[in-house]
Each structure stands twice: as structure tokens, then as C-alpha cells.
């Protein structure tokens, strides 16, 4: 009987929905509603928010990779110049 209560609590926690909200002006809400089209405004905002966050994370990863590639290029060029200067 006690185990059922714990299991019920776990299931309730899995089904929990958290709310993230912000206040917008009437004009802003009208714009959001127009941009959402057939979607509910909350669903549309959630989709846009996650796409923006994930895109920024991807962009940050790309900047990191580019920085590493440029550093590797610099090392290889320095090595090449050192070898070329030593062969004279």
C-alpha cells in the first residue's frame, strides 16, 4: 500500500507541467497571435523559444570548432615555415 503511494507520486511528477510566462503589451500579443497563425500562441512561443535556444547552442559550438580549426591551421603553418627555413 505504501509503495503504491510512492509510485503515484512519481507518476504525478512525470506529468507535471511547468509554466514560464511573461507580460506583453496588447500590441505585442496581437503580433504574437498573428505570427502564431493556426497554432495556439503559447505553443508557438514555446516552439520559437526552443528553436532560438538550440540555434544559439549550435552557433556557439560552431564558433568553438572554428576557433580550434584556426588554431590548428596556425600550428601547421608555423611548422611548415619552420621546416622550410631549416632546409635552406
Protein backbone atom coordinates (compact mmCIF):
# COMPACT_ATOMS: atom_id res chain seq x y z
CA UNK A 1 0.00 0.00 0.00
CA UNK A 2 2.82 2.41 0.83
CA UNK A 3 4.60 1.54 -2.43
CA UNK A 4 1.51 2.46 -4.45
CA UNK A 5 1.55 5.91 -2.89
CA UNK A 6 5.20 6.47 -3.88
CA UNK A 7 4.52 5.21 -7.42
CA UNK A 8 1.55 7.57 -7.68
CA UNK A 9 3.76 10.49 -6.63
CA UNK A 10 6.33 9.57 -9.25
CA UNK A 11 3.69 9.44 -11.96
CA UNK A 12 2.31 12.78 -10.86
CA UNK A 13 5.81 14.29 -11.06
CA UNK A 14 6.27 12.95 -14.59
CA UNK A 15 3.01 14.55 -15.71
CA UNK A 16 3.76 17.92 -14.14
CA UNK A 17 3.68 20.89 -16.43
CA UNK A 18 5.71 23.93 -15.54
CA UNK A 19 4.73 27.40 -16.63
CA UNK A 20 7.08 30.06 -17.91
CA UNK A 21 5.39 33.37 -18.54
CA UNK A 22 6.00 36.98 -19.40
CA UNK A 23 3.85 40.05 -19.75
CA UNK A 24 3.42 41.69 -23.14
CA UNK A 25 1.53 44.71 -24.32
CA UNK A 26 -1.76 44.37 -26.18
CA UNK A 27 0.01 45.25 -29.46
CA UNK A 28 2.74 42.67 -28.81
CA UNK A 29 0.15 39.99 -28.07
CA UNK A 30 -1.72 40.83 -31.26
CA UNK A 31 1.54 40.44 -33.20
CA UNK A 32 2.33 37.12 -31.49
CA UNK A 33 -1.18 35.87 -32.24
CA UNK A 34 -0.80 36.85 -35.89
CA UNK A 35 2.62 35.18 -36.14
CA UNK A 36 1.29 32.02 -34.45
CA UNK A 37 -1.27 31.58 -37.21
CA UNK A 38 -3.32 28.43 -36.56
CA UNK A 39 -1.20 27.43 -33.54
CA UNK A 40 -2.10 28.47 -30.03
CA UNK A 41 0.07 31.42 -29.01
CA UNK A 42 1.63 29.52 -26.09
CA UNK A 43 2.60 26.57 -28.31
CA UNK A 44 4.05 28.89 -30.95
CA UNK A 45 6.06 30.87 -28.38
CA UNK A 46 7.41 27.60 -26.87
CA UNK A 47 8.47 26.36 -30.33
CA UNK A 48 10.17 29.65 -31.19
CA UNK A 49 11.90 29.80 -27.80
CA UNK A 50 13.36 26.30 -28.06
CA UNK A 51 14.44 26.81 -31.67
CA UNK A 52 16.23 30.02 -30.70
CA UNK A 53 17.99 28.45 -27.72
CA UNK A 54 19.05 25.38 -29.68
CA UNK A 55 20.23 27.51 -32.61
CA UNK A 56 22.37 29.61 -30.25
CA UNK A 57 23.90 26.48 -28.72
CA UNK A 58 24.64 25.18 -32.20
CA UNK A 59 26.16 28.52 -33.22
CA UNK A 60 28.30 28.53 -30.07
CA UNK A 61 29.53 25.02 -30.85
CA UNK A 62 30.33 26.08 -34.42
CA UNK A 63 32.33 29.08 -33.15
CA UNK A 64 34.28 26.79 -30.84
CA UNK A 65 35.04 24.33 -33.65
CA UNK A 66 36.06 27.16 -35.97
CA UNK A 67 38.40 28.54 -33.30
CA UNK A 68 40.00 25.12 -32.85
CA UNK A 69 40.44 24.69 -36.61
CA UNK A 70 42.04 28.13 -36.94
CA UNK A 71 44.43 27.32 -34.07
CA UNK A 72 45.36 24.04 -35.76
CA UNK A 73 45.91 25.88 -39.05
CA UNK A 74 48.25 28.33 -37.30
CA UNK A 75 50.25 25.47 -35.77
CA UNK A 76 50.58 23.73 -39.13
CA UNK A 77 51.62 26.93 -40.92
CA UNK A 78 54.24 27.66 -38.24
CA UNK A 79 55.53 24.10 -38.59
CA UNK A 80 55.67 24.44 -42.37
CA UNK A 81 57.59 27.76 -42.16
CA UNK A 82 60.00 26.23 -39.63
CA UNK A 83 60.69 23.23 -41.89
CA UNK A 84 61.09 25.48 -44.94
CA UNK A 85 63.50 27.78 -43.10
CA UNK A 86 65.55 24.81 -41.86
CA UNK A 87 66.02 23.40 -45.37
CA UNK A 88 67.96 26.45 -46.60
